[in-house]
Protein backbone atom coordinates (compact mmCIF):
# COMPACT_ATOMS: atom_id res chain seq x y z
CA MET A 1 -27.62 -4.41 10.21
CA ILE A 2 -24.07 -3.12 9.83
CA PHE A 3 -21.79 -1.05 12.09
CA GLN A 4 -22.74 2.62 12.32
CA ILE A 5 -20.52 5.67 12.77
CA PRO A 6 -20.66 6.59 16.47
CA ARG A 7 -20.90 10.11 17.78
CA LEU A 8 -17.31 11.29 17.88
CA GLU A 9 -15.98 12.60 21.16
CA GLN A 10 -13.97 15.81 21.23
CA SER A 11 -10.61 14.05 21.36
CA LEU A 12 -11.38 12.34 18.05
CA LEU A 13 -12.59 15.58 16.49
CA ASP A 14 -9.30 17.17 17.53
CA ARG A 15 -7.48 14.21 15.97
CA LEU A 16 -9.36 14.78 12.73
CA ASP A 17 -8.33 18.45 12.74
CA GLU A 18 -4.71 17.40 13.20
CA LEU A 19 -5.02 14.86 10.40
CA GLU A 20 -6.60 17.42 8.07
CA ALA A 21 -3.66 19.77 8.61
CA LEU A 22 -1.22 16.94 7.92
CA ARG A 23 -3.19 16.02 4.82
CA HIS A 24 -2.84 19.50 3.34
CA THR A 25 0.87 19.61 4.14
CA LEU A 26 1.36 16.19 2.58
CA GLU A 27 -0.60 17.13 -0.54
CA ARG A 28 1.60 20.20 -1.02
CA GLY A 29 4.70 18.07 -0.65
CA MET A 30 3.39 15.58 -3.21
CA GLN A 31 2.89 18.29 -5.82
CA THR A 32 6.60 18.66 -6.46
CA ARG A 33 7.63 17.77 -10.02
CA SER A 34 11.11 16.70 -9.02
CA ARG A 35 12.38 13.47 -10.60
CA TRP A 36 12.77 11.82 -7.20
CA MET A 37 9.03 11.97 -6.49
CA GLY A 38 8.38 9.22 -9.01
CA SER A 39 10.88 6.96 -7.26
CA LEU A 40 9.35 7.74 -3.89
CA ARG A 41 5.84 6.98 -5.14
CA ARG A 42 6.97 3.56 -6.37
CA GLN A 43 8.81 2.88 -3.12
CA VAL A 44 5.83 3.89 -0.95
CA ARG A 45 3.42 1.87 -3.06
CA ALA A 46 5.60 -1.23 -2.86
CA SER A 47 6.02 -0.86 0.90
CA SER A 48 2.26 -0.47 1.45
CA ILE A 49 1.48 -3.56 -0.60
CA GLU A 50 4.23 -5.65 0.99
CA SER A 51 3.03 -4.61 4.45
CA SER A 52 -0.61 -5.47 3.75
CA THR A 53 0.17 -8.92 2.37
CA SER A 54 2.61 -9.64 5.21
CA ILE A 55 -0.26 -9.34 7.69
CA GLU A 56 -1.69 -12.52 6.18
CA GLY A 57 1.61 -14.38 6.22
CA PHE A 58 3.02 -13.65 2.75
CA SER A 59 6.65 -12.61 2.87
CA VAL A 60 8.93 -10.97 0.29
CA SER A 61 11.89 -8.63 0.68
CA PRO A 62 11.48 -4.88 0.11
CA GLU A 63 13.57 -5.23 -3.06
CA GLU A 64 11.32 -8.01 -4.36
CA ALA A 65 8.21 -6.01 -3.52
CA LEU A 66 9.50 -3.03 -5.48
CA ALA A 67 10.39 -5.21 -8.47
CA LEU A 68 7.04 -7.02 -8.38
CA THR A 69 4.91 -3.89 -8.08
CA SER A 70 6.95 -2.14 -10.79
CA GLY A 71 6.52 -5.04 -13.20
CA ARG A 72 10.23 -5.83 -13.31
CA LEU A 73 9.78 -9.20 -11.63
CA VAL A 74 7.19 -11.81 -12.60
CA ALA A 75 5.69 -14.01 -9.91
CA GLU A 76 6.01 -17.61 -11.01
CA PRO A 77 3.08 -20.03 -10.53
CA GLY A 78 3.31 -21.72 -7.16
CA ASP A 79 5.25 -18.91 -5.50
CA GLU A 80 2.40 -17.66 -3.35
CA ASP A 81 4.46 -15.03 -1.54
CA ARG A 82 5.32 -13.23 -4.76
CA GLN A 83 1.94 -13.91 -6.31
CA ALA A 84 0.19 -12.32 -3.32
CA VAL A 85 2.17 -9.11 -3.79
CA ALA A 86 1.71 -9.06 -7.57
CA SER A 87 -2.02 -9.73 -7.23
CA TYR A 88 -2.50 -7.04 -4.59
CA SER A 89 -0.62 -4.65 -6.87
CA ARG A 90 -3.05 -5.40 -9.68
CA ALA A 91 -5.98 -4.73 -7.34
CA MET A 92 -4.48 -1.37 -6.40
CA ASP A 93 -4.05 -0.53 -10.08
CA HIS A 94 -7.78 -1.22 -10.36
CA VAL A 95 -8.40 1.09 -7.40
CA GLY A 96 -6.52 3.85 -9.23
CA THR A 97 -8.79 3.46 -12.25
CA MET A 98 -11.96 3.40 -10.18
CA ALA A 99 -10.83 6.51 -8.31
CA VAL A 100 -11.01 8.66 -11.45
CA ASP A 101 -13.93 6.94 -13.20
CA PRO A 102 -16.72 9.56 -13.56
CA GLU A 103 -19.28 6.75 -14.00
CA PHE A 104 -18.17 4.79 -10.92
CA ARG A 105 -20.90 3.24 -8.79
CA TRP A 106 -20.71 1.12 -5.66
CA LEU A 107 -21.90 -2.25 -6.96
CA ASP A 108 -21.28 -5.78 -5.72
CA ARG A 109 -18.98 -6.34 -8.70
CA VAL A 110 -16.63 -3.67 -7.35
CA ILE A 111 -15.82 -5.72 -4.27
CA LEU A 112 -16.04 -9.08 -6.02
CA ASP A 113 -13.71 -8.00 -8.83
CA LEU A 114 -11.18 -6.46 -6.45
CA HIS A 115 -11.20 -9.68 -4.44
CA PHE A 116 -10.58 -11.64 -7.64
CA ASP A 117 -7.68 -9.31 -8.49
CA ALA A 118 -6.09 -9.74 -5.07
CA CYS A 119 -6.71 -13.47 -4.62
CA TYR A 120 -6.86 -14.93 -8.12
CA PHE A 121 -3.80 -17.12 -7.45
CA GLN A 122 -5.70 -18.88 -4.64
CA ARG A 123 -8.03 -20.77 -6.94
CA ASP A 124 -9.11 -23.13 -4.17
CA LYS A 125 -10.46 -20.16 -2.16
CA ASP A 126 -13.09 -19.07 -4.73
CA PRO A 127 -11.66 -15.65 -5.64
CA GLY A 128 -14.40 -13.23 -6.67
CA LEU A 129 -17.22 -15.26 -5.10
CA TRP A 130 -19.09 -14.76 -1.84
CA ARG A 131 -18.51 -17.57 0.65
CA LEU A 132 -21.09 -20.32 0.93
CA GLY A 133 -20.15 -21.72 4.33
CA PRO A 134 -19.37 -20.68 7.91
CA ILE A 135 -16.16 -18.85 8.73
CA GLY A 136 -14.10 -17.96 11.77
CA VAL A 137 -10.78 -16.38 12.66
CA THR A 138 -8.49 -18.42 14.89
CA GLY A 139 -5.76 -17.11 17.13
CA ALA A 140 -2.17 -18.27 17.37
CA ASP A 141 -3.22 -20.86 19.98
CA GLY A 142 -5.94 -22.25 17.75
CA SER A 143 -8.82 -20.71 19.69
CA LEU A 144 -11.72 -19.05 17.86
CA GLU A 145 -11.29 -15.27 18.10
CA TYR A 146 -14.05 -14.18 15.74
CA ARG A 147 -17.06 -15.88 14.17
CA GLY A 148 -18.51 -14.29 11.05
CA PRO A 149 -22.22 -14.08 10.28
CA GLU A 150 -23.99 -17.01 8.64
CA ALA A 151 -23.23 -17.55 4.96
CA GLY A 152 -26.89 -17.03 4.10
CA ASP A 153 -26.67 -13.48 5.46
CA VAL A 154 -23.58 -12.45 3.48
CA VAL A 155 -25.29 -11.18 0.31
CA GLY A 156 -27.83 -9.10 2.25
CA LEU A 157 -25.21 -7.64 4.57
CA MET A 158 -22.91 -6.74 1.68
CA GLU A 159 -25.85 -5.06 -0.04
CA GLU A 160 -26.22 -2.94 3.11
CA VAL A 161 -22.50 -2.14 3.08
CA LEU A 162 -22.66 -1.13 -0.58
CA SER A 163 -25.79 0.96 -0.05
CA TRP A 164 -24.05 2.76 2.80
CA LEU A 165 -20.90 3.30 0.70
CA ALA A 166 -23.04 4.86 -2.03
CA GLU A 167 -25.42 6.95 0.07
CA GLY A 168 -24.71 6.73 3.79
CA ASP A 169 -23.02 9.34 5.96
CA LEU A 170 -21.67 11.21 2.93
CA GLU A 171 -21.06 14.26 5.08
CA ALA A 172 -18.74 12.32 7.39
CA ASP A 173 -14.99 12.80 7.21
CA VAL A 174 -13.41 10.63 4.51
CA PHE A 175 -10.98 9.04 6.98
CA VAL A 176 -13.89 8.01 9.21
CA ARG A 177 -15.89 6.62 6.28
CA ALA A 178 -12.86 4.65 5.08
CA ALA A 179 -12.32 3.20 8.56
CA MET A 180 -15.98 2.16 8.80
CA ALA A 181 -15.86 0.58 5.33
CA HIS A 182 -12.86 -1.47 6.47
CA LEU A 183 -14.63 -2.50 9.68
CA ASN A 184 -17.86 -3.52 7.97
CA VAL A 185 -16.23 -5.55 5.20
CA ILE A 186 -13.89 -7.41 7.52
CA SER A 187 -16.70 -8.02 10.02
CA VAL A 188 -19.03 -9.53 7.42
CA HIS A 189 -16.05 -11.63 6.30
CA PRO A 190 -17.74 -12.28 2.95
CA PHE A 191 -15.04 -14.48 1.39
CA ARG A 192 -13.43 -17.82 2.16
CA ASP A 193 -10.02 -16.09 2.37
CA GLY A 194 -8.45 -12.70 1.79
CA ASN A 195 -10.98 -10.78 3.89
CA GLY A 196 -8.30 -8.64 5.51
CA ARG A 197 -6.75 -7.84 2.16
CA ILE A 198 -10.04 -6.84 0.57
CA ALA A 199 -11.06 -4.74 3.60
CA ARG A 200 -7.79 -2.79 3.39
CA ILE A 201 -8.17 -2.37 -0.38
CA ILE A 202 -11.73 -1.06 0.05
CA GLN A 203 -10.48 1.37 2.69
CA SER A 204 -7.97 2.69 0.15
CA LEU A 205 -10.68 2.94 -2.51
CA VAL A 206 -12.88 5.02 -0.20
CA LEU A 207 -9.95 7.34 0.44
CA ALA A 208 -9.22 7.61 -3.27
CA ARG A 209 -12.85 8.27 -4.17
CA GLY A 210 -12.91 10.86 -1.39
CA GLY A 211 -10.37 13.02 -3.18
CA LEU A 212 -7.10 11.63 -1.88
CA GLY A 213 -5.56 11.08 -5.30
CA SER A 214 -2.59 8.99 -4.20
CA PRO A 215 -4.03 6.40 -1.80
CA GLU A 216 -0.61 4.85 -1.15
CA PHE A 217 0.45 8.12 0.53
CA PHE A 218 -2.63 8.21 2.74
CA SER A 219 -3.37 4.54 3.35
CA ILE A 220 -2.40 2.86 6.62
CA GLU A 221 -1.30 -0.55 5.28
CA GLU A 222 2.32 0.07 6.16
CA TYR A 223 1.36 1.09 9.69
CA LEU A 224 -0.88 -1.96 10.07
CA GLY A 225 1.92 -4.24 8.90
CA GLY A 226 4.18 -2.82 11.59
CA HIS A 227 1.51 -2.82 14.30
CA THR A 228 -0.38 -6.02 13.52
CA ARG A 229 -0.93 -6.93 17.16
CA GLU A 230 -2.55 -3.56 17.88
CA TYR A 231 -4.59 -3.84 14.65
CA TYR A 232 -6.06 -7.18 15.66
CA ALA A 233 -6.63 -5.98 19.23
CA ALA A 234 -8.65 -2.99 17.99
CA LEU A 235 -10.74 -5.29 15.81
CA ARG A 236 -11.31 -7.81 18.60
CA GLU A 237 -12.37 -5.14 21.07
CA THR A 238 -14.77 -3.60 18.57
CA GLN A 239 -16.24 -6.84 17.21
CA GLY A 240 -16.61 -8.68 20.52
CA GLY A 241 -15.85 -12.13 19.12
CA SER A 242 -18.80 -12.46 16.73
CA TYR A 243 -20.89 -10.40 14.35
CA GLN A 244 -22.42 -7.78 16.62
CA PRO A 245 -22.91 -4.61 14.54
CA ASP A 246 -24.72 -2.84 17.34
CA ARG A 247 -21.42 -2.51 19.23
CA ASP A 248 -19.69 0.87 19.53
CA ALA A 249 -17.03 1.45 16.86
CA THR A 250 -15.28 4.33 18.66
CA ARG A 251 -12.25 2.23 19.61
CA TRP A 252 -11.75 1.21 15.97
CA ILE A 253 -12.06 4.74 14.62
CA ALA A 254 -9.59 6.01 17.23
CA PHE A 255 -7.10 3.34 16.21
CA CYS A 256 -7.44 4.19 12.50
CA LEU A 257 -7.08 7.93 13.07
CA ASP A 258 -3.96 7.39 15.18
CA ALA A 259 -2.61 5.19 12.38
CA HIS A 260 -3.33 7.84 9.75
CA VAL A 261 -1.62 10.56 11.79
CA ALA A 262 1.46 8.40 12.34
CA GLN A 263 1.54 7.38 8.68
CA ALA A 264 1.14 10.95 7.42
CA ARG A 265 4.05 12.09 9.58
CA ARG A 266 6.14 9.23 8.22
CA ARG A 267 5.30 10.17 4.64
CA LEU A 268 6.28 13.79 5.26
CA ALA A 269 9.60 12.62 6.66
CA GLN A 270 10.09 10.38 3.62
CA ILE A 271 9.46 13.27 1.23
CA GLU A 272 12.01 15.39 3.09
CA ALA A 273 14.55 12.54 3.11
CA ALA A 274 14.02 11.80 -0.59
CA ALA A 275 14.58 15.44 -1.53
CA ALA A 276 17.76 15.59 0.55
CA ARG A 277 19.01 12.31 -0.95
CA TRP A 278 18.43 13.54 -4.50
CA GLU A 279 20.31 16.77 -3.76
CA ARG A 280 23.29 14.80 -2.43
CA LEU A 281 23.27 12.59 -5.52
CA GLU A 282 23.19 15.66 -7.74
CA ASP A 283 26.24 17.00 -5.91
CA LEU A 284 28.01 13.66 -6.34
CA VAL A 285 27.34 13.61 -10.08
CA SER A 286 28.48 17.21 -10.41
CA GLN A 287 31.73 16.48 -8.55
CA HIS A 288 32.56 13.77 -11.09
CA GLY A 289 31.59 15.95 -14.05
CA TRP A 290 29.02 13.41 -15.22
CA PRO A 291 25.76 14.13 -17.09
CA ASP A 292 22.80 15.02 -14.87
CA ARG A 293 20.91 11.92 -16.02
CA MET A 294 23.24 9.71 -14.00
CA VAL A 295 21.48 10.78 -10.83
CA ILE A 296 18.69 8.47 -12.00
CA ALA A 297 21.05 5.48 -12.12
CA LEU A 298 22.36 6.27 -8.64
CA GLU A 299 18.82 6.59 -7.26
CA GLN A 300 17.73 3.34 -8.86
CA SER A 301 20.75 1.46 -7.53
CA LEU A 302 19.87 2.65 -4.03
CA LEU A 303 16.21 1.65 -4.32
CA GLY A 304 16.24 -2.03 -5.13
CA GLY A 305 18.92 -2.00 -7.82
CA THR A 306 18.93 -1.22 -11.54
CA ASP A 307 19.97 -2.67 -14.86
CA ARG A 308 20.62 -1.38 -18.34
CA SER A 309 17.02 -1.62 -19.51
CA ARG A 310 15.48 0.00 -16.45
CA TYR A 311 17.95 2.86 -16.46
CA ALA A 312 17.67 3.41 -20.22
CA ASP A 313 13.87 3.59 -20.03
CA GLU A 314 13.70 6.15 -17.22
CA ALA A 315 16.64 8.26 -18.41
CA ASP A 316 15.43 8.05 -22.03
CA VAL A 317 18.81 7.04 -23.42
CA SER A 318 20.03 4.28 -25.73
CA PRO A 319 21.11 0.90 -24.31
CA ALA A 320 24.69 1.71 -25.33
CA THR A 321 24.64 4.99 -23.39
CA ALA A 322 23.05 3.27 -20.40
CA SER A 323 25.80 0.63 -20.40
CA ALA A 324 28.50 3.29 -20.59
CA ASP A 325 26.98 5.26 -17.70
CA LEU A 326 26.67 2.18 -15.51
CA ARG A 327 30.29 1.27 -16.31
CA ARG A 328 31.37 4.72 -15.07
CA LEU A 329 29.59 4.14 -11.78
CA LEU A 330 31.11 0.69 -11.48
CA ASP A 331 34.63 1.95 -12.19
CA ALA A 332 34.14 4.72 -9.60
CA GLY A 333 33.26 2.11 -6.97
CA LEU A 334 29.80 3.57 -6.39
CA VAL A 335 27.84 0.50 -7.50
CA GLU A 336 28.39 -3.24 -7.38
CA GLN A 337 27.61 -5.58 -10.24
CA ARG A 338 25.47 -8.68 -9.80
CA GLY A 339 25.43 -11.28 -12.55
CA ARG A 340 27.00 -11.04 -15.99
CA ALA A 341 26.21 -9.98 -19.54
CA ARG A 342 22.50 -9.35 -20.17
CA SER A 343 21.55 -10.52 -16.68
CA SER A 344 23.76 -7.90 -15.01
CA SER A 345 22.21 -5.71 -12.35
CA TYR A 346 23.73 -2.97 -10.23
CA VAL A 347 23.21 -2.12 -6.57
CA ALA A 348 24.59 0.71 -4.48
CA GLY A 349 27.94 0.16 -2.82
CA THR A 350 28.91 1.30 0.64
CA GLU A 351 30.43 4.58 -0.56
CA LEU A 352 27.26 5.52 -2.42
CA ARG A 353 25.02 4.60 0.51
CA ASP A 354 27.11 6.74 2.82
CA ALA A 355 27.03 9.66 0.38
CA ALA A 356 23.25 9.36 -0.04
CA THR A 357 22.67 9.56 3.71
CA GLY A 358 25.22 12.29 4.26
CA ALA A 359 27.52 9.96 6.19
CA ALA A 360 30.39 10.42 3.75
């Protein structure tokens, strides 16, 4: 037996209506073809991944997360913080492929392979394999907060979860189905480690398969990372300390819907802020009489920093032109140089940051 979708009270139905309206507004905002949307997508994706891994104790800076998820920084063996982010990023790339696969089916290999993607660096935790022993979740004081079902029940329970994902409650709202997928995976706790990560990844996959083409804009990982105490409280209240799938999941669904509403509002604000920032950067470039392409260099320097190669690739210019453009920004005092020669990188200076926010 697995958790079932409860009958939703009117307050939750109203919340779903609000979320649906926000979804349509957000989808319209995402359809813009402006150059800044690509930067925002990368920033949002990095923030979601960094937030999800931070819940399990892995810590990197926002700049590192952006570099890791963009492929500009390689996680070295032994650096588990960076490896966790890079691995989660690979799993989300896999989610993106599965989302558009016309032959996709909910099979055990879907969850096993995503777990391997996200946890492959933890070789001692059997990535991609169901657990073979007992498991529990301990609190900060060392007490047992949740006890998962017996290892011998894992395969059968996950078969139920997969059967439900393929055929169960297909008429239910996608946000509700995604929340229930998260709850059921994390409650079965099918792996030795990484159960929270895989549950959040599966939630994103359900959203993506449900027609939300950019799961990073609709996922709640960033919200969960900022409200971890409330996240765990909602799980504890729903689960009751052990595997009890006959318990009412209303509290959990309410928490997830509130998280989605808050996250959608944040994304809308980010789209508005990104558009305003790009417009200010365009004005700044125009005031200096520089080529329009230099807005890209300014944007990159604000979002984690840039270098000659990164700027040249996105602006589609030669390395020599990229170097000359970056030198102009350096001479104007808009960026600061880090390192020398081929290892040089450029980050926004105070004047540029003020101009980008409208403070200048």
